[in-house]
Amino acid sequence: MPFDGLEALTPLPQGDVSLEETKEAIGDKILLDVIPAILFLPDHPMEELQECVERIVELFYPRLILGVSDEVPPPGDIERVRYISQYCRDYRHYQR
């Protein structure tokens, strides 16, 4: 497709493809909004979200606009959003 980027290609556990399959399919395109929204729910372990975010950054940085694949669900944990913000600030700092 002639697009520069693709949005909301939701991986497992919410979608039906792995991050690796997504990376292979999009090649050098920019990926937007890929964190599965369900990982913000309190019944999913925080470690699952952390592992997912780290893997997304590992696979797609710098061709990545990190965001939620849909939107943070109403019962979502705002601390998880804060974690991701801090992770990105730290990651950027270490990339310099």
PDB file of N, CA and C in Angstrom:
ATOM      1  N   MET A   1       0.840  -1.174   0.000  1.00  0.00           N
ATOM      2  CA  MET A   1       0.000   0.000   0.000  1.00  0.00           C
ATOM      3  C   MET A   1       0.891   1.245   0.000  1.00  0.00           C
ATOM      4  N   PRO A   2       0.430   2.322  -0.558  1.00  0.00           N
ATOM      5  CA  PRO A   2       1.259   3.516  -0.686  1.00  0.00           C
ATOM      6  C   PRO A   2       1.278   4.416   0.551  1.00  0.00           C
ATOM      7  N   PHE A   3       0.910   3.904   1.708  1.00  0.00           N
ATOM      8  CA  PHE A   3       0.894   4.705   2.923  1.00  0.00           C
ATOM      9  C   PHE A   3       2.276   4.719   3.571  1.00  0.00           C
ATOM     10  N   ASP A   4       2.571   5.806   4.291  1.00  0.00           N
ATOM     11  CA  ASP A   4       3.827   5.886   5.039  1.00  0.00           C
ATOM     12  C   ASP A   4       3.736   5.137   6.354  1.00  0.00           C
ATOM     13  N   GLY A   5       2.525   5.033   6.900  1.00  0.00           N
ATOM     14  CA  GLY A   5       2.346   4.378   8.180  1.00  0.00           C
ATOM     15  C   GLY A   5       1.013   3.665   8.259  1.00  0.00           C
ATOM     16  N   LEU A   6       0.927   2.801   9.235  1.00  0.00           N
ATOM     17  CA  LEU A   6      -0.296   2.031   9.462  1.00  0.00           C
ATOM     18  C   LEU A   6      -0.687   2.172  10.919  1.00  0.00           C
ATOM     19  N   GLU A   7      -1.990   2.292  11.162  1.00  0.00           N
ATOM     20  CA  GLU A   7      -2.485   2.566  12.502  1.00  0.00           C
ATOM     21  C   GLU A   7      -3.295   1.398  13.052  1.00  0.00           C
ATOM     22  N   ALA A   8      -3.130   1.176  14.363  1.00  0.00           N
ATOM     23  CA  ALA A   8      -3.954   0.249  15.140  1.00  0.00           C
ATOM     24  C   ALA A   8      -3.948  -1.177  14.587  1.00  0.00           C
ATOM     25  N   LEU A   9      -2.773  -1.666  14.257  1.00  0.00           N
ATOM     26  CA  LEU A   9      -2.634  -3.081  13.907  1.00  0.00           C
ATOM     27  C   LEU A   9      -2.437  -3.825  15.227  1.00  0.00           C
ATOM     28  N   THR A  10      -3.526  -4.227  15.816  1.00  0.00           N
ATOM     29  CA  THR A  10      -3.535  -4.715  17.188  1.00  0.00           C
ATOM     30  C   THR A  10      -2.999  -6.143  17.296  1.00  0.00           C
ATOM     31  N   PRO A  11      -1.903  -6.318  18.056  1.00  0.00           N
ATOM     32  CA  PRO A  11      -1.330  -7.652  18.210  1.00  0.00           C
ATOM     33  C   PRO A  11      -2.007  -8.458  19.322  1.00  0.00           C
ATOM     34  N   LEU A  12      -1.546  -9.683  19.469  1.00  0.00           N
ATOM     35  CA  LEU A  12      -1.961 -10.517  20.599  1.00  0.00           C
ATOM     36  C   LEU A  12      -1.663  -9.774  21.903  1.00  0.00           C
ATOM     37  N   PRO A  13      -2.406  -9.892  22.942  1.00  0.00           N
ATOM     38  CA  PRO A  13      -3.506 -10.821  23.157  1.00  0.00           C
ATOM     39  C   PRO A  13      -4.865 -10.286  22.723  1.00  0.00           C
ATOM     40  N   GLN A  14      -4.936  -9.063  22.233  1.00  0.00           N
ATOM     41  CA  GLN A  14      -6.226  -8.504  21.822  1.00  0.00           C
ATOM     42  C   GLN A  14      -6.532  -8.817  20.364  1.00  0.00           C
ATOM     43  N   GLY A  15      -5.514  -8.769  19.534  1.00  0.00           N
ATOM     44  CA  GLY A  15      -5.692  -9.061  18.115  1.00  0.00           C
ATOM     45  C   GLY A  15      -5.328 -10.496  17.810  1.00  0.00           C
ATOM     46  N   ASP A  16      -5.069 -10.762  16.531  1.00  0.00           N
ATOM     47  CA  ASP A  16      -4.816 -12.151  16.136  1.00  0.00           C
ATOM     48  C   ASP A  16      -3.468 -12.356  15.449  1.00  0.00           C
ATOM     49  N   VAL A  17      -2.541 -11.398  15.592  1.00  0.00           N
ATOM     50  CA  VAL A  17      -1.203 -11.553  15.024  1.00  0.00           C
ATOM     51  C   VAL A  17      -0.156 -11.201  16.075  1.00  0.00           C
ATOM     52  N   SER A  18       1.029 -11.742  15.914  1.00  0.00           N
ATOM     53  CA  SER A  18       2.117 -11.422  16.834  1.00  0.00           C
ATOM     54  C   SER A  18       2.789 -10.117  16.400  1.00  0.00           C
ATOM     55  N   LEU A  19       3.568  -9.547  17.282  1.00  0.00           N
ATOM     56  CA  LEU A  19       4.336  -8.345  16.929  1.00  0.00           C
ATOM     57  C   LEU A  19       5.324  -8.652  15.812  1.00  0.00           C
ATOM     58  N   GLU A  20       5.903  -9.834  15.846  1.00  0.00           N
ATOM     59  CA  GLU A  20       6.860 -10.222  14.820  1.00  0.00           C
ATOM     60  C   GLU A  20       6.186 -10.336  13.447  1.00  0.00           C
ATOM     61  N   GLU A  21       4.985 -10.890  13.402  1.00  0.00           N
ATOM     62  CA  GLU A  21       4.235 -10.976  12.140  1.00  0.00           C
ATOM     63  C   GLU A  21       3.892  -9.579  11.632  1.00  0.00           C
ATOM     64  N   THR A  22       3.554  -8.697  12.544  1.00  0.00           N
ATOM     65  CA  THR A  22       3.248  -7.315  12.169  1.00  0.00           C
ATOM     66  C   THR A  22       4.472  -6.659  11.574  1.00  0.00           C
ATOM     67  N   LYS A  23       5.619  -6.814  12.208  1.00  0.00           N
ATOM     68  CA  LYS A  23       6.865  -6.221  11.724  1.00  0.00           C
ATOM     69  C   LYS A  23       7.178  -6.724  10.326  1.00  0.00           C
ATOM     70  N   GLU A  24       7.055  -8.010  10.116  1.00  0.00           N
ATOM     71  CA  GLU A  24       7.324  -8.592   8.804  1.00  0.00           C
ATOM     72  C   GLU A  24       6.369  -8.046   7.741  1.00  0.00           C
ATOM     73  N   ALA A  25       5.115  -7.886   8.110  1.00  0.00           N
ATOM     74  CA  ALA A  25       4.101  -7.438   7.146  1.00  0.00           C
ATOM     75  C   ALA A  25       4.244  -5.969   6.758  1.00  0.00           C
ATOM     76  N   ILE A  26       4.661  -5.121   7.682  1.00  0.00           N
ATOM     77  CA  ILE A  26       4.702  -3.688   7.363  1.00  0.00           C
ATOM     78  C   ILE A  26       6.066  -3.203   6.889  1.00  0.00           C
ATOM     79  N   GLY A  27       7.091  -4.000   7.077  1.00  0.00           N
ATOM     80  CA  GLY A  27       8.417  -3.613   6.596  1.00  0.00           C
ATOM     81  C   GLY A  27       8.904  -2.321   7.230  1.00  0.00           C
ATOM     82  N   ASP A  28       9.219  -1.324   6.397  1.00  0.00           N
ATOM     83  CA  ASP A  28       9.775  -0.052   6.871  1.00  0.00           C
ATOM     84  C   ASP A  28       8.737   1.024   7.112  1.00  0.00           C
ATOM     85  N   LYS A  29       7.478   0.673   7.074  1.00  0.00           N
ATOM     86  CA  LYS A  29       6.439   1.679   7.326  1.00  0.00           C
ATOM     87  C   LYS A  29       6.416   2.062   8.808  1.00  0.00           C
ATOM     88  N   ILE A  30       5.840   3.195   9.105  1.00  0.00           N
ATOM     89  CA  ILE A  30       5.699   3.671  10.473  1.00  0.00           C
ATOM     90  C   ILE A  30       4.480   2.995  11.094  1.00  0.00           C
ATOM     91  N   LEU A  31       4.626   2.574  12.332  1.00  0.00           N
ATOM     92  CA  LEU A  31       3.522   1.937  13.046  1.00  0.00           C
ATOM     93  C   LEU A  31       2.983   2.896  14.094  1.00  0.00           C
ATOM     94  N   LEU A  32       1.673   3.066  14.109  1.00  0.00           N
ATOM     95  CA  LEU A  32       0.994   3.947  15.061  1.00  0.00           C
ATOM     96  C   LEU A  32       0.043   3.132  15.928  1.00  0.00           C
ATOM     97  N   ASP A  33      -0.007   3.469  17.206  1.00  0.00           N
ATOM     98  CA  ASP A  33      -1.043   2.952  18.110  1.00  0.00           C
ATOM     99  C   ASP A  33      -1.125   1.431  18.126  1.00  0.00           C
ATOM    100  N   VAL A  34      -0.158   0.809  18.733  1.00  0.00           N
ATOM    101  CA  VAL A  34      -0.075  -0.651  18.670  1.00  0.00           C
ATOM    102  C   VAL A  34      -0.237  -1.352  20.019  1.00  0.00           C
ATOM    103  N   ILE A  35      -0.224  -0.643  21.134  1.00  0.00           N
ATOM    104  CA  ILE A  35      -0.331  -1.315  22.433  1.00  0.00           C
ATOM    105  C   ILE A  35      -1.770  -1.813  22.618  1.00  0.00           C
ATOM    106  N   PRO A  36      -1.963  -3.107  22.844  1.00  0.00           N
ATOM    107  CA  PRO A  36      -3.313  -3.623  23.031  1.00  0.00           C
ATOM    108  C   PRO A  36      -4.012  -2.955  24.221  1.00  0.00           C
ATOM    109  N   ALA A  37      -5.180  -2.418  23.980  1.00  0.00           N
ATOM    110  CA  ALA A  37      -5.921  -1.677  25.010  1.00  0.00           C
ATOM    111  C   ALA A  37      -6.221  -2.528  26.235  1.00  0.00           C
ATOM    112  N   ILE A  38      -6.417  -3.820  26.058  1.00  0.00           N
ATOM    113  CA  ILE A  38      -6.767  -4.666  27.201  1.00  0.00           C
ATOM    114  C   ILE A  38      -5.639  -4.754  28.223  1.00  0.00           C
ATOM    115  N   LEU A  39      -4.400  -4.431  27.812  1.00  0.00           N
ATOM    116  CA  LEU A  39      -3.281  -4.496  28.755  1.00  0.00           C
ATOM    117  C   LEU A  39      -3.319  -3.373  29.785  1.00  0.00           C
ATOM    118  N   PHE A  40      -4.237  -2.432  29.617  1.00  0.00           N
ATOM    119  CA  PHE A  40      -4.410  -1.362  30.592  1.00  0.00           C
ATOM    120  C   PHE A  40      -5.419  -1.732  31.677  1.00  0.00           C
ATOM    121  N   LEU A  41      -6.080  -2.867  31.510  1.00  0.00           N
ATOM    122  CA  LEU A  41      -7.069  -3.318  32.490  1.00  0.00           C
ATOM    123  C   LEU A  41      -6.380  -3.942  33.694  1.00  0.00           C
ATOM    124  N   PRO A  42      -6.930  -3.741  34.879  1.00  0.00           N
ATOM    125  CA  PRO A  42      -6.291  -4.233  36.098  1.00  0.00           C
ATOM    126  C   PRO A  42      -6.179  -5.754  36.184  1.00  0.00           C
ATOM    127  N   ASP A  43      -6.978  -6.504  35.421  1.00  0.00           N
ATOM    128  CA  ASP A  43      -6.879  -7.964  35.498  1.00  0.00           C
ATOM    129  C   ASP A  43      -5.736  -8.530  34.657  1.00  0.00           C
ATOM    130  N   HIS A  44      -5.021  -7.679  33.926  1.00  0.00           N
ATOM    131  CA  HIS A  44      -3.816  -8.093  33.204  1.00  0.00           C
ATOM    132  C   HIS A  44      -2.606  -7.651  34.027  1.00  0.00           C
ATOM    133  N   PRO A  45      -1.654  -8.535  34.232  1.00  0.00           N
ATOM    134  CA  PRO A  45      -0.483  -8.162  35.032  1.00  0.00           C
ATOM    135  C   PRO A  45       0.288  -7.002  34.399  1.00  0.00           C
ATOM    136  N   MET A  46       0.772  -6.107  35.242  1.00  0.00           N
ATOM    137  CA  MET A  46       1.581  -4.982  34.781  1.00  0.00           C
ATOM    138  C   MET A  46       2.787  -5.473  33.989  1.00  0.00           C
ATOM    139  N   GLU A  47       3.355  -6.595  34.397  1.00  0.00           N
ATOM    140  CA  GLU A  47       4.516  -7.150  33.704  1.00  0.00           C
ATOM    141  C   GLU A  47       4.205  -7.480  32.244  1.00  0.00           C
ATOM    142  N   GLU A  48       2.983  -7.877  31.974  1.00  0.00           N
ATOM    143  CA  GLU A  48       2.582  -8.190  30.598  1.00  0.00           C
ATOM    144  C   GLU A  48       2.620  -6.921  29.744  1.00  0.00           C
ATOM    145  N   LEU A  49       2.130  -5.821  30.286  1.00  0.00           N
ATOM    146  CA  LEU A  49       2.186  -4.543  29.576  1.00  0.00           C
ATOM    147  C   LEU A  49       3.637  -4.108  29.382  1.00  0.00           C
ATOM    148  N   GLN A  50       4.448  -4.207  30.419  1.00  0.00           N
ATOM    149  CA  GLN A  50       5.848  -3.802  30.328  1.00  0.00           C
ATOM    150  C   GLN A  50       6.586  -4.597  29.255  1.00  0.00           C
ATOM    151  N   GLU A  51       6.398  -5.896  29.248  1.00  0.00           N
ATOM    152  CA  GLU A  51       7.049  -6.744  28.237  1.00  0.00           C
ATOM    153  C   GLU A  51       6.588  -6.370  26.832  1.00  0.00           C
ATOM    154  N   CYS A  52       5.310  -6.111  26.690  1.00  0.00           N
ATOM    155  CA  CYS A  52       4.756  -5.748  25.385  1.00  0.00           C
ATOM    156  C   CYS A  52       5.346  -4.430  24.893  1.00  0.00           C
ATOM    157  N   VAL A  53       5.370  -3.423  25.746  1.00  0.00           N
ATOM    158  CA  VAL A  53       5.905  -2.112  25.362  1.00  0.00           C
ATOM    159  C   VAL A  53       7.380  -2.229  24.981  1.00  0.00           C
ATOM    160  N   GLU A  54       8.142  -2.943  25.793  1.00  0.00           N
ATOM    161  CA  GLU A  54       9.570  -3.111  25.502  1.00  0.00           C
ATOM    162  C   GLU A  54       9.782  -3.818  24.169  1.00  0.00           C
ATOM    163  N   ARG A  55       8.991  -4.831  23.890  1.00  0.00           N
ATOM    164  CA  ARG A  55       9.112  -5.575  22.624  1.00  0.00           C
ATOM    165  C   ARG A  55       8.708  -4.694  21.438  1.00  0.00           C
ATOM    166  N   ILE A  56       7.658  -3.908  21.588  1.00  0.00           N
ATOM    167  CA  ILE A  56       7.228  -3.001  20.524  1.00  0.00           C
ATOM    168  C   ILE A  56       8.350  -2.033  20.183  1.00  0.00           C
ATOM    169  N   VAL A  57       8.930  -1.428  21.200  1.00  0.00           N
ATOM    170  CA  VAL A  57      10.014  -0.459  20.972  1.00  0.00           C
ATOM    171  C   VAL A  57      11.206  -1.151  20.334  1.00  0.00           C
ATOM    172  N   GLU A  58      11.544  -2.331  20.822  1.00  0.00           N
ATOM    173  CA  GLU A  58      12.669  -3.086  20.273  1.00  0.00           C
ATOM    174  C   GLU A  58      12.481  -3.372  18.778  1.00  0.00           C
ATOM    175  N   LEU A  59      11.274  -3.748  18.406  1.00  0.00           N
ATOM    176  CA  LEU A  59      11.007  -4.125  17.017  1.00  0.00           C
ATOM    177  C   LEU A  59      10.802  -2.943  16.070  1.00  0.00           C
ATOM    178  N   PHE A  60      10.182  -1.867  16.541  1.00  0.00           N
ATOM    179  CA  PHE A  60       9.719  -0.836  15.618  1.00  0.00           C
ATOM    180  C   PHE A  60      10.420   0.522  15.727  1.00  0.00           C
ATOM    181  N   TYR A  61      11.125   0.785  16.829  1.00  0.00           N
ATOM    182  CA  TYR A  61      11.812   2.069  16.971  1.00  0.00           C
ATOM    183  C   TYR A  61      12.874   2.200  15.893  1.00  0.00           C
ATOM    184  N   PRO A  62      13.016   3.315  15.227  1.00  0.00           N
ATOM    185  CA  PRO A  62      12.422   4.630  15.423  1.00  0.00           C
ATOM    186  C   PRO A  62      11.184   4.884  14.549  1.00  0.00           C
ATOM    187  N   ARG A  63      10.704   3.874  13.862  1.00  0.00           N
ATOM    188  CA  ARG A  63       9.551   4.056  12.972  1.00  0.00           C
ATOM    189  C   ARG A  63       8.266   3.705  13.720  1.00  0.00           C
ATOM    190  N   LEU A  64       8.034   4.457  14.802  1.00  0.00           N
ATOM    191  CA  LEU A  64       6.972   4.113  15.731  1.00  0.00           C
ATOM    192  C   LEU A  64       6.382   5.367  16.355  1.00  0.00           C
ATOM    193  N   ILE A  65       5.072   5.427  16.390  1.00  0.00           N
ATOM    194  CA  ILE A  65       4.349   6.409  17.195  1.00  0.00           C
ATOM    195  C   ILE A  65       3.563   5.569  18.186  1.00  0.00           C
ATOM    196  N   LEU A  66       4.102   5.481  19.393  1.00  0.00           N
ATOM    197  CA  LEU A  66       3.572   4.552  20.383  1.00  0.00           C
ATOM    198  C   LEU A  66       2.268   5.065  20.966  1.00  0.00           C
ATOM    199  N   GLY A  67       1.249   4.237  20.933  1.00  0.00           N
ATOM    200  CA  GLY A  67      -0.041   4.605  21.484  1.00  0.00           C
ATOM    201  C   GLY A  67      -0.889   3.366  21.690  1.00  0.00           C
ATOM    202  N   VAL A  68      -2.056   3.562  22.244  1.00  0.00           N
ATOM    203  CA  VAL A  68      -2.993   2.474  22.511  1.00  0.00           C
ATOM    204  C   VAL A  68      -3.711   2.119  21.218  1.00  0.00           C
ATOM    205  N   SER A  69      -3.925   0.832  20.999  1.00  0.00           N
ATOM    206  CA  SER A  69      -4.506   0.372  19.743  1.00  0.00           C
ATOM    207  C   SER A  69      -5.952   0.811  19.538  1.00  0.00           C
ATOM    208  N   ASP A  70      -6.604   1.210  20.546  1.00  0.00           N
ATOM    209  CA  ASP A  70      -7.964   1.713  20.435  1.00  0.00           C
ATOM    210  C   ASP A  70      -8.037   2.942  21.320  1.00  0.00           C
ATOM    211  N   GLU A  71      -8.323   2.737  22.561  1.00  0.00           N
ATOM    212  CA  GLU A  71      -8.265   3.779  23.585  1.00  0.00           C
ATOM    213  C   GLU A  71      -8.179   3.074  24.931  1.00  0.00           C
ATOM    214  N   VAL A  72      -7.666   3.770  25.927  1.00  0.00           N
ATOM    215  CA  VAL A  72      -7.604   3.157  27.258  1.00  0.00           C
ATOM    216  C   VAL A  72      -9.039   2.910  27.720  1.00  0.00           C
ATOM    217  N   PRO A  73      -9.371   1.672  28.063  1.00  0.00           N
ATOM    218  CA  PRO A  73     -10.737   1.368  28.485  1.00  0.00           C
ATOM    219  C   PRO A  73     -11.110   2.133  29.767  1.00  0.00           C
ATOM    220  N   PRO A  74     -12.385   2.434  29.954  1.00  0.00           N
ATOM    221  CA  PRO A  74     -12.812   3.191  31.135  1.00  0.00           C
ATOM    222  C   PRO A  74     -12.284   2.662  32.469  1.00  0.00           C
ATOM    223  N   PRO A  75     -12.224   1.337  32.700  1.00  0.00           N
ATOM    224  CA  PRO A  75     -11.663   0.912  33.986  1.00  0.00           C
ATOM    225  C   PRO A  75     -10.129   0.772  33.950  1.00  0.00           C
ATOM    226  N   GLY A  76      -9.488   1.322  32.893  1.00  0.00           N
ATOM    227  CA  GLY A  76      -8.042   1.205  32.750  1.00  0.00           C
ATOM    228  C   GLY A  76      -7.285   1.909  33.866  1.00  0.00           C
ATOM    229  N   ASP A  77      -6.064   1.471  34.080  1.00  0.00           N
ATOM    230  CA  ASP A  77      -5.213   1.980  35.143  1.00  0.00           C
ATOM    231  C   ASP A  77      -4.321   3.102  34.601  1.00  0.00           C
ATOM    232  N   ILE A  78      -4.532   4.329  35.054  1.00  0.00           N
ATOM    233  CA  ILE A  78      -3.775   5.485  34.575  1.00  0.00           C
ATOM    234  C   ILE A  78      -2.294   5.351  34.912  1.00  0.00           C
ATOM    235  N   GLU A  79      -1.956   4.601  35.945  1.00  0.00           N
ATOM    236  CA  GLU A  79      -0.547   4.390  36.293  1.00  0.00           C
ATOM    237  C   GLU A  79       0.188   3.665  35.166  1.00  0.00           C
ATOM    238  N   ARG A  80      -0.520   2.884  34.402  1.00  0.00           N
ATOM    239  CA  ARG A  80       0.100   2.178  33.269  1.00  0.00           C
ATOM    240  C   ARG A  80       0.457   3.166  32.163  1.00  0.00           C
ATOM    241  N   VAL A  81      -0.366   4.177  31.989  1.00  0.00           N
ATOM    242  CA  VAL A  81      -0.054   5.232  31.023  1.00  0.00           C
ATOM    243  C   VAL A  81       1.182   5.993  31.493  1.00  0.00           C
ATOM    244  N   ARG A  82       1.238   6.289  32.774  1.00  0.00           N
ATOM    245  CA  ARG A  82       2.407   6.985  33.330  1.00  0.00           C
ATOM    246  C   ARG A  82       3.674   6.150  33.173  1.00  0.00           C
ATOM    247  N   TYR A  83       3.562   4.846  33.382  1.00  0.00           N
ATOM    248  CA  TYR A  83       4.715   3.962  33.197  1.00  0.00           C
ATOM    249  C   TYR A  83       5.256   4.075  31.769  1.00  0.00           C
ATOM    250  N   ILE A  84       4.362   4.015  30.787  1.00  0.00           N
ATOM    251  CA  ILE A  84       4.778   4.073  29.390  1.00  0.00           C
ATOM    252  C   ILE A  84       5.434   5.417  29.077  1.00  0.00           C
ATOM    253  N   SER A  85       4.875   6.485  29.589  1.00  0.00           N
ATOM    254  CA  SER A  85       5.473   7.816  29.378  1.00  0.00           C
ATOM    255  C   SER A  85       6.890   7.862  29.933  1.00  0.00           C
ATOM    256  N   GLN A  86       7.075   7.355  31.141  1.00  0.00           N
ATOM    257  CA  GLN A  86       8.407   7.359  31.748  1.00  0.00           C
ATOM    258  C   GLN A  86       9.354   6.441  30.988  1.00  0.00           C
ATOM    259  N   TYR A  87       8.876   5.291  30.571  1.00  0.00           N
ATOM    260  CA  TYR A  87       9.703   4.356  29.801  1.00  0.00           C
ATOM    261  C   TYR A  87      10.212   5.042  28.530  1.00  0.00           C
ATOM    262  N   CYS A  88       9.331   5.748  27.839  1.00  0.00           N
ATOM    263  CA  CYS A  88       9.719   6.430  26.597  1.00  0.00           C
ATOM    264  C   CYS A  88      10.725   7.545  26.865  1.00  0.00           C
ATOM    265  N   ARG A  89      10.528   8.306  27.930  1.00  0.00           N
ATOM    266  CA  ARG A  89      11.503   9.357  28.276  1.00  0.00           C
ATOM    267  C   ARG A  89      12.861   8.742  28.582  1.00  0.00           C
ATOM    268  N   ASP A  90      12.869   7.668  29.353  1.00  0.00           N
ATOM    269  CA  ASP A  90      14.132   6.992  29.693  1.00  0.00           C
ATOM    270  C   ASP A  90      14.787   6.411  28.445  1.00  0.00           C
ATOM    271  N   TYR A  91      14.007   5.785  27.600  1.00  0.00           N
ATOM    272  CA  TYR A  91      14.537   5.171  26.378  1.00  0.00           C
ATOM    273  C   TYR A  91      15.172   6.216  25.494  1.00  0.00           C
ATOM    274  N   ARG A  92      14.494   7.323  25.317  1.00  0.00           N
ATOM    275  CA  ARG A  92      15.015   8.413  24.490  1.00  0.00           C
ATOM    276  C   ARG A  92      16.318   8.941  25.063  1.00  0.00           C
ATOM    277  N   HIS A  93      16.380   9.066  26.376  1.00  0.00           N
ATOM    278  CA  HIS A  93      17.582   9.554  27.037  1.00  0.00           C
ATOM    279  C   HIS A  93      18.770   8.633  26.773  1.00  0.00           C
ATOM    280  N   TYR A  94      18.548   7.320  26.823  1.00  0.00           N
ATOM    281  CA  TYR A  94      19.629   6.357  26.615  1.00  0.00           C
ATOM    282  C   TYR A  94      20.017   6.215  25.157  1.00  0.00           C
ATOM    283  N   GLN A  95      19.179   6.655  24.227  1.00  0.00           N
ATOM    284  CA  GLN A  95      19.481   6.573  22.799  1.00  0.00           C
ATOM    285  C   GLN A  95      20.437   7.685  22.340  1.00  0.00           C
ATOM    286  N   ARG A  96      20.618   8.698  23.147  1.00  0.00           N
ATOM    287  CA  ARG A  96      21.475   9.827  22.740  1.00  0.00           C
ATOM    288  C   ARG A  96      22.923   9.497  22.822  1.00  0.00           C
TER     289      ARG A  96
END
